[in-house]
């Protein structure tokens, strides 16, 4: 369980009697409380009754908006992916290569801080298969593609030959895994500032990429099989 005990359960404020809530507002309210329910309990353990209660509405109304538990989960995952891509893409543009990467990493941890429950759902393991698992994988892949694009952009700017770009993309996948791991750790150590997490990840990623761009590769000694 991530972040358990640190944050009180959010319950949406009930509207005044007879006042109609716009659909877009209602959807945001439901998604806001559902993100935490799915983040803390996973898809199988999440309760639609709990979501309805926290949103201050009836369970049939939740179903009328999202169709099913799977539909609600899809909406959560899609929103988390969209929020992430918007957060990072808006800041990782302009300036020197290392500055762009720093801005992107800092934006990543800003996203973890602002959308911790949606981030957790996006990266939580889903035990099922089928279309739902495929959609989750697609959203994760979109995140990796964004990071890979930033790595490739930096590499091209530094004059790395095109034949080396596939290796840069592989490093981007490794970077994405490191970002996920550090994000999970940070949610257990929120007394530490996000800037410190970003600096740790920046040094981990940039030094490796910088050496690759300079052709400084580590290779095992001949005596090591």
C-alpha atoms as a PDB file:
ATOM      1  CA  UNK A   1       0.000   0.000   0.000  1.00  0.00           C
ATOM      2  CA  UNK A   2       1.487   3.331  -1.041  1.00  0.00           C
ATOM      3  CA  UNK A   3       1.084   6.351   1.157  1.00  0.00           C
ATOM      4  CA  UNK A   4      -1.285   4.589   3.545  1.00  0.00           C
ATOM      5  CA  UNK A   5      -1.961   6.505   6.721  1.00  0.00           C
ATOM      6  CA  UNK A   6      -0.523   9.766   5.445  1.00  0.00           C
ATOM      7  CA  UNK A   7      -3.604  11.219   3.824  1.00  0.00           C
ATOM      8  CA  UNK A   8      -7.224  11.306   5.004  1.00  0.00           C
ATOM      9  CA  UNK A   9      -9.795   9.701   2.735  1.00  0.00           C
ATOM     10  CA  UNK A  10     -11.282  12.316   0.450  1.00  0.00           C
ATOM     11  CA  UNK A  11     -15.055  12.525   0.339  1.00  0.00           C
ATOM     12  CA  UNK A  12     -16.620  14.733  -2.302  1.00  0.00           C
ATOM     13  CA  UNK A  13     -18.789  17.548  -0.987  1.00  0.00           C
ATOM     14  CA  UNK A  14     -22.477  16.867  -1.583  1.00  0.00           C
ATOM     15  CA  UNK A  15     -24.220  19.499  -3.707  1.00  0.00           C
ATOM     16  CA  UNK A  16     -27.103  21.487  -2.345  1.00  0.00           C
ATOM     17  CA  UNK A  17     -30.481  19.779  -2.669  1.00  0.00           C
ATOM     18  CA  UNK A  18     -31.962  20.195  -6.118  1.00  0.00           C
ATOM     19  CA  UNK A  19     -28.770  21.605  -7.602  1.00  0.00           C
ATOM     20  CA  UNK A  20     -27.654  19.807 -10.760  1.00  0.00           C
ATOM     21  CA  UNK A  21     -23.943  19.065 -11.038  1.00  0.00           C
ATOM     22  CA  UNK A  22     -22.518  19.374 -14.589  1.00  0.00           C
ATOM     23  CA  UNK A  23     -21.402  16.038 -16.011  1.00  0.00           C
ATOM     24  CA  UNK A  24     -17.759  17.108 -16.440  1.00  0.00           C
ATOM     25  CA  UNK A  25     -17.583  18.228 -12.808  1.00  0.00           C
ATOM     26  CA  UNK A  26     -19.193  15.028 -11.578  1.00  0.00           C
ATOM     27  CA  UNK A  27     -16.803  12.897 -13.611  1.00  0.00           C
ATOM     28  CA  UNK A  28     -13.798  14.701 -12.142  1.00  0.00           C
ATOM     29  CA  UNK A  29     -15.158  14.163  -8.633  1.00  0.00           C
ATOM     30  CA  UNK A  30     -15.666  10.459  -9.224  1.00  0.00           C
ATOM     31  CA  UNK A  31     -12.256  10.024 -10.824  1.00  0.00           C
ATOM     32  CA  UNK A  32     -10.610  11.920  -7.967  1.00  0.00           C
ATOM     33  CA  UNK A  33     -11.876   9.535  -5.287  1.00  0.00           C
ATOM     34  CA  UNK A  34     -11.670   6.435  -7.504  1.00  0.00           C
ATOM     35  CA  UNK A  35      -7.966   7.003  -8.165  1.00  0.00           C
ATOM     36  CA  UNK A  36      -7.175   6.546  -4.496  1.00  0.00           C
ATOM     37  CA  UNK A  37      -9.442   3.520  -4.142  1.00  0.00           C
ATOM     38  CA  UNK A  38      -7.772   1.729  -7.059  1.00  0.00           C
ATOM     39  CA  UNK A  39      -4.285   2.887  -6.013  1.00  0.00           C
ATOM     40  CA  UNK A  40      -4.635   1.505  -2.497  1.00  0.00           C
ATOM     41  CA  UNK A  41      -6.499  -1.717  -3.275  1.00  0.00           C
ATOM     42  CA  UNK A  42      -5.697  -2.588  -6.874  1.00  0.00           C
ATOM     43  CA  UNK A  43      -8.265  -3.402  -9.532  1.00  0.00           C
ATOM     44  CA  UNK A  44      -9.580  -6.576  -7.924  1.00  0.00           C
ATOM     45  CA  UNK A  45      -9.736  -5.141  -4.412  1.00  0.00           C
ATOM     46  CA  UNK A  46     -11.247  -1.766  -5.308  1.00  0.00           C
ATOM     47  CA  UNK A  47     -14.873  -1.332  -4.262  1.00  0.00           C
ATOM     48  CA  UNK A  48     -17.397   0.497  -6.396  1.00  0.00           C
ATOM     49  CA  UNK A  49     -19.483   0.963  -3.241  1.00  0.00           C
ATOM     50  CA  UNK A  50     -16.538   2.741  -1.620  1.00  0.00           C
ATOM     51  CA  UNK A  51     -16.092   4.935  -4.692  1.00  0.00           C
ATOM     52  CA  UNK A  52     -19.757   5.928  -4.662  1.00  0.00           C
ATOM     53  CA  UNK A  53     -19.722   6.653  -0.930  1.00  0.00           C
ATOM     54  CA  UNK A  54     -16.559   8.756  -1.181  1.00  0.00           C
ATOM     55  CA  UNK A  55     -18.016  10.663  -4.137  1.00  0.00           C
ATOM     56  CA  UNK A  56     -21.242  11.286  -2.205  1.00  0.00           C
ATOM     57  CA  UNK A  57     -23.439   9.658  -4.853  1.00  0.00           C
ATOM     58  CA  UNK A  58     -25.178   6.344  -5.524  1.00  0.00           C
ATOM     59  CA  UNK A  59     -23.395   3.377  -7.072  1.00  0.00           C
ATOM     60  CA  UNK A  60     -25.834   3.256 -10.022  1.00  0.00           C
ATOM     61  CA  UNK A  61     -24.843   6.830 -10.838  1.00  0.00           C
ATOM     62  CA  UNK A  62     -21.172   5.813 -10.961  1.00  0.00           C
ATOM     63  CA  UNK A  63     -22.088   3.060 -13.415  1.00  0.00           C
ATOM     64  CA  UNK A  64     -24.174   5.482 -15.466  1.00  0.00           C
ATOM     65  CA  UNK A  65     -21.074   7.623 -15.995  1.00  0.00           C
ATOM     66  CA  UNK A  66     -18.467   4.935 -16.656  1.00  0.00           C
ATOM     67  CA  UNK A  67     -20.465   1.857 -17.581  1.00  0.00           C
ATOM     68  CA  UNK A  68     -18.510  -0.630 -15.488  1.00  0.00           C
ATOM     69  CA  UNK A  69     -15.629  -1.066 -13.086  1.00  0.00           C
ATOM     70  CA  UNK A  70     -13.398  -1.635 -16.099  1.00  0.00           C
ATOM     71  CA  UNK A  71     -14.656   1.572 -17.683  1.00  0.00           C
ATOM     72  CA  UNK A  72     -13.821   3.549 -14.561  1.00  0.00           C
ATOM     73  CA  UNK A  73     -10.357   1.994 -14.421  1.00  0.00           C
ATOM     74  CA  UNK A  74      -9.747   2.856 -18.070  1.00  0.00           C
ATOM     75  CA  UNK A  75     -10.733   6.458 -17.418  1.00  0.00           C
ATOM     76  CA  UNK A  76      -8.335   6.677 -14.471  1.00  0.00           C
ATOM     77  CA  UNK A  77      -5.428   5.258 -16.465  1.00  0.00           C
ATOM     78  CA  UNK A  78      -6.130   7.488 -19.472  1.00  0.00           C
ATOM     79  CA  UNK A  79      -6.319  10.613 -17.317  1.00  0.00           C
ATOM     80  CA  UNK A  80      -3.095   9.756 -15.511  1.00  0.00           C
ATOM     81  CA  UNK A  81      -1.270   9.226 -18.792  1.00  0.00           C
ATOM     82  CA  UNK A  82      -2.619  12.450 -20.285  1.00  0.00           C
ATOM     83  CA  UNK A  83      -1.706  14.442 -17.180  1.00  0.00           C
ATOM     84  CA  UNK A  84       1.812  13.042 -17.213  1.00  0.00           C
ATOM     85  CA  UNK A  85       2.451  13.760 -20.871  1.00  0.00           C
ATOM     86  CA  UNK A  86       1.069  17.290 -20.547  1.00  0.00           C
ATOM     87  CA  UNK A  87       3.095  18.012 -17.406  1.00  0.00           C
ATOM     88  CA  UNK A  88       6.406  16.887 -18.913  1.00  0.00           C
ATOM     89  CA  UNK A  89       5.943  18.055 -22.504  1.00  0.00           C
ATOM     90  CA  UNK A  90       5.045  21.599 -21.457  1.00  0.00           C
ATOM     91  CA  UNK A  91       8.362  22.199 -19.708  1.00  0.00           C
ATOM     92  CA  UNK A  92      10.898  20.007 -21.522  1.00  0.00           C
ATOM     93  CA  UNK A  93      11.387  22.405 -24.412  1.00  0.00           C
ATOM     94  CA  UNK A  94      13.920  25.136 -25.079  1.00  0.00           C
ATOM     95  CA  UNK A  95      17.350  25.672 -23.578  1.00  0.00           C
ATOM     96  CA  UNK A  96      20.462  23.504 -23.361  1.00  0.00           C
ATOM     97  CA  UNK A  97      20.139  19.725 -23.497  1.00  0.00           C
ATOM     98  CA  UNK A  98      20.902  19.157 -19.828  1.00  0.00           C
ATOM     99  CA  UNK A  99      18.487  21.924 -18.825  1.00  0.00           C
ATOM    100  CA  UNK A 100      15.681  20.351 -20.863  1.00  0.00           C
ATOM    101  CA  UNK A 101      16.292  16.999 -19.240  1.00  0.00           C
ATOM    102  CA  UNK A 102      16.391  18.578 -15.783  1.00  0.00           C
ATOM    103  CA  UNK A 103      13.092  20.337 -16.412  1.00  0.00           C
ATOM    104  CA  UNK A 104      11.563  17.083 -17.628  1.00  0.00           C
ATOM    105  CA  UNK A 105      12.720  15.151 -14.565  1.00  0.00           C
ATOM    106  CA  UNK A 106      11.535  17.873 -12.197  1.00  0.00           C
ATOM    107  CA  UNK A 107       8.177  17.901 -13.966  1.00  0.00           C
ATOM    108  CA  UNK A 108       7.979  14.133 -13.520  1.00  0.00           C
ATOM    109  CA  UNK A 109       8.266  14.438  -9.747  1.00  0.00           C
ATOM    110  CA  UNK A 110       5.864  17.350  -9.792  1.00  0.00           C
ATOM    111  CA  UNK A 111       3.412  14.972 -11.449  1.00  0.00           C
ATOM    112  CA  UNK A 112       4.047  12.291  -8.812  1.00  0.00           C
ATOM    113  CA  UNK A 113       3.395  14.880  -6.100  1.00  0.00           C
ATOM    114  CA  UNK A 114       0.229  16.370  -7.624  1.00  0.00           C
ATOM    115  CA  UNK A 115      -1.299  13.160  -8.986  1.00  0.00           C
ATOM    116  CA  UNK A 116       0.121  10.533  -6.644  1.00  0.00           C
ATOM    117  CA  UNK A 117      -2.944   8.282  -6.795  1.00  0.00           C
ATOM    118  CA  UNK A 118      -3.248   8.430 -10.578  1.00  0.00           C
ATOM    119  CA  UNK A 119       0.501   7.811 -10.884  1.00  0.00           C
ATOM    120  CA  UNK A 120       0.217   4.801  -8.591  1.00  0.00           C
ATOM    121  CA  UNK A 121      -2.624   3.324 -10.656  1.00  0.00           C
ATOM    122  CA  UNK A 122      -0.649   3.883 -13.858  1.00  0.00           C
ATOM    123  CA  UNK A 123       2.335   1.958 -12.521  1.00  0.00           C
ATOM    124  CA  UNK A 124       0.583  -0.607 -10.355  1.00  0.00           C
ATOM    125  CA  UNK A 125       0.704  -4.168 -11.633  1.00  0.00           C
ATOM    126  CA  UNK A 126      -2.563  -5.332 -13.146  1.00  0.00           C
ATOM    127  CA  UNK A 127      -3.144  -9.066 -12.642  1.00  0.00           C
ATOM    128  CA  UNK A 128      -5.673  -9.490 -15.432  1.00  0.00           C
ATOM    129  CA  UNK A 129      -5.202  -9.602 -19.195  1.00  0.00           C
ATOM    130  CA  UNK A 130      -7.117  -8.703 -22.305  1.00  0.00           C
ATOM    131  CA  UNK A 131      -7.953  -5.234 -23.540  1.00  0.00           C
ATOM    132  CA  UNK A 132      -7.656  -3.628 -20.101  1.00  0.00           C
ATOM    133  CA  UNK A 133      -4.073  -4.802 -19.660  1.00  0.00           C
ATOM    134  CA  UNK A 134      -3.279  -3.728 -23.219  1.00  0.00           C
ATOM    135  CA  UNK A 135      -4.581  -0.217 -22.549  1.00  0.00           C
ATOM    136  CA  UNK A 136      -2.494   0.048 -19.390  1.00  0.00           C
ATOM    137  CA  UNK A 137       0.598  -1.114 -21.299  1.00  0.00           C
ATOM    138  CA  UNK A 138      -0.144   1.408 -24.050  1.00  0.00           C
ATOM    139  CA  UNK A 139      -0.291   4.295 -21.575  1.00  0.00           C
ATOM    140  CA  UNK A 140       2.964   3.208 -19.979  1.00  0.00           C
ATOM    141  CA  UNK A 141       4.541   2.890 -23.430  1.00  0.00           C
ATOM    142  CA  UNK A 142       3.435   6.431 -24.250  1.00  0.00           C
ATOM    143  CA  UNK A 143       5.304   7.647 -21.167  1.00  0.00           C
ATOM    144  CA  UNK A 144       8.432   5.756 -22.232  1.00  0.00           C
ATOM    145  CA  UNK A 145       8.136   7.108 -25.783  1.00  0.00           C
ATOM    146  CA  UNK A 146       8.048  10.657 -24.418  1.00  0.00           C
ATOM    147  CA  UNK A 147      11.208  10.046 -22.406  1.00  0.00           C
ATOM    148  CA  UNK A 148      12.879   8.258 -25.310  1.00  0.00           C
ATOM    149  CA  UNK A 149      12.061  11.199 -27.553  1.00  0.00           C
ATOM    150  CA  UNK A 150      13.807  13.556 -25.146  1.00  0.00           C
ATOM    151  CA  UNK A 151      16.880  11.294 -25.026  1.00  0.00           C
ATOM    152  CA  UNK A 152      17.014  11.044 -28.837  1.00  0.00           C
ATOM    153  CA  UNK A 153      16.560  14.793 -29.219  1.00  0.00           C
ATOM    154  CA  UNK A 154      19.517  15.418 -26.934  1.00  0.00           C
ATOM    155  CA  UNK A 155      21.636  12.790 -28.728  1.00  0.00           C
ATOM    156  CA  UNK A 156      20.955  14.283 -32.163  1.00  0.00           C
ATOM    157  CA  UNK A 157      21.744  17.754 -30.866  1.00  0.00           C
ATOM    158  CA  UNK A 158      25.109  16.463 -29.656  1.00  0.00           C
ATOM    159  CA  UNK A 159      25.862  14.900 -33.047  1.00  0.00           C
ATOM    160  CA  UNK A 160      25.515  11.217 -32.132  1.00  0.00           C
ATOM    161  CA  UNK A 161      25.454   9.062 -35.305  1.00  0.00           C
ATOM    162  CA  UNK A 162      22.017   7.776 -36.314  1.00  0.00           C
ATOM    163  CA  UNK A 163      23.130   4.156 -35.912  1.00  0.00           C
ATOM    164  CA  UNK A 164      23.660   4.806 -32.198  1.00  0.00           C
ATOM    165  CA  UNK A 165      20.152   6.154 -31.589  1.00  0.00           C
ATOM    166  CA  UNK A 166      18.618   2.707 -30.902  1.00  0.00           C
ATOM    167  CA  UNK A 167      21.019   2.405 -27.971  1.00  0.00           C
ATOM    168  CA  UNK A 168      19.841   5.779 -26.717  1.00  0.00           C
ATOM    169  CA  UNK A 169      16.239   4.545 -26.829  1.00  0.00           C
ATOM    170  CA  UNK A 170      17.233   1.504 -24.771  1.00  0.00           C
ATOM    171  CA  UNK A 171      18.775   3.821 -22.194  1.00  0.00           C
ATOM    172  CA  UNK A 172      15.512   5.750 -22.131  1.00  0.00           C
ATOM    173  CA  UNK A 173      13.690   2.547 -21.141  1.00  0.00           C
ATOM    174  CA  UNK A 174      16.219   2.007 -18.341  1.00  0.00           C
ATOM    175  CA  UNK A 175      15.714   5.610 -17.257  1.00  0.00           C
ATOM    176  CA  UNK A 176      11.938   5.150 -17.156  1.00  0.00           C
ATOM    177  CA  UNK A 177      12.380   2.145 -14.863  1.00  0.00           C
ATOM    178  CA  UNK A 178      14.668   4.145 -12.588  1.00  0.00           C
ATOM    179  CA  UNK A 179      12.144   6.995 -12.483  1.00  0.00           C
ATOM    180  CA  UNK A 180       9.377   4.602 -11.471  1.00  0.00           C
ATOM    181  CA  UNK A 181      11.498   3.042  -8.736  1.00  0.00           C
ATOM    182  CA  UNK A 182      12.547   6.391  -7.300  1.00  0.00           C
ATOM    183  CA  UNK A 183       8.954   7.617  -7.475  1.00  0.00           C
ATOM    184  CA  UNK A 184       7.797   4.637  -5.430  1.00  0.00           C
ATOM    185  CA  UNK A 185      10.538   5.229  -2.878  1.00  0.00           C
ATOM    186  CA  UNK A 186       9.701   8.921  -2.589  1.00  0.00           C
ATOM    187  CA  UNK A 187       6.061   8.191  -1.744  1.00  0.00           C
ATOM    188  CA  UNK A 188       7.412   6.450   1.352  1.00  0.00           C
ATOM    189  CA  UNK A 189       9.733   9.382   2.180  1.00  0.00           C
ATOM    190  CA  UNK A 190       7.669  12.475   1.478  1.00  0.00           C
ATOM    191  CA  UNK A 191       9.627  14.422   4.066  1.00  0.00           C
ATOM    192  CA  UNK A 192      12.312  14.699   1.375  1.00  0.00           C
ATOM    193  CA  UNK A 193      11.822  17.477  -1.215  1.00  0.00           C
ATOM    194  CA  UNK A 194      10.976  16.557  -4.792  1.00  0.00           C
ATOM    195  CA  UNK A 195      13.933  18.648  -5.984  1.00  0.00           C
ATOM    196  CA  UNK A 196      16.264  16.198  -4.214  1.00  0.00           C
ATOM    197  CA  UNK A 197      14.632  13.247  -5.994  1.00  0.00           C
ATOM    198  CA  UNK A 198      14.961  15.051  -9.324  1.00  0.00           C
ATOM    199  CA  UNK A 199      18.645  15.781  -8.664  1.00  0.00           C
ATOM    200  CA  UNK A 200      19.310  12.137  -7.836  1.00  0.00           C
ATOM    201  CA  UNK A 201      17.653  10.938 -11.019  1.00  0.00           C
ATOM    202  CA  UNK A 202      19.323  13.642 -13.103  1.00  0.00           C
ATOM    203  CA  UNK A 203      22.784  12.579 -11.972  1.00  0.00           C
ATOM    204  CA  UNK A 204      21.930   8.917 -12.490  1.00  0.00           C
ATOM    205  CA  UNK A 205      20.636   9.508 -16.020  1.00  0.00           C
ATOM    206  CA  UNK A 206      22.630  12.438 -17.350  1.00  0.00           C
ATOM    207  CA  UNK A 207      26.072  11.122 -16.452  1.00  0.00           C
ATOM    208  CA  UNK A 208      25.333   7.857 -18.209  1.00  0.00           C
ATOM    209  CA  UNK A 209      23.925   9.562 -21.299  1.00  0.00           C
ATOM    210  CA  UNK A 210      26.718  12.105 -21.312  1.00  0.00           C
ATOM    211  CA  UNK A 211      29.339   9.366 -21.386  1.00  0.00           C
ATOM    212  CA  UNK A 212      27.480   7.531 -24.151  1.00  0.00           C
ATOM    213  CA  UNK A 213      27.390  10.717 -26.220  1.00  0.00           C
ATOM    214  CA  UNK A 214      31.134  11.135 -25.683  1.00  0.00           C
ATOM    215  CA  UNK A 215      31.847   7.517 -26.639  1.00  0.00           C
ATOM    216  CA  UNK A 216      33.017   6.629 -23.136  1.00  0.00           C
ATOM    217  CA  UNK A 217      31.569   3.146 -22.705  1.00  0.00           C
ATOM    218  CA  UNK A 218      32.357   0.796 -19.852  1.00  0.00           C
ATOM    219  CA  UNK A 219      33.343  -2.691 -20.963  1.00  0.00           C
ATOM    220  CA  UNK A 220      34.171  -5.657 -18.734  1.00  0.00           C
ATOM    221  CA  UNK A 221      37.856  -6.627 -18.409  1.00  0.00           C
ATOM    222  CA  UNK A 222      38.948  -9.483 -20.652  1.00  0.00           C
ATOM    223  CA  UNK A 223      39.498 -11.621 -17.568  1.00  0.00           C
ATOM    224  CA  UNK A 224      35.786 -11.416 -16.727  1.00  0.00           C
ATOM    225  CA  UNK A 225      33.619 -13.812 -18.723  1.00  0.00           C
END
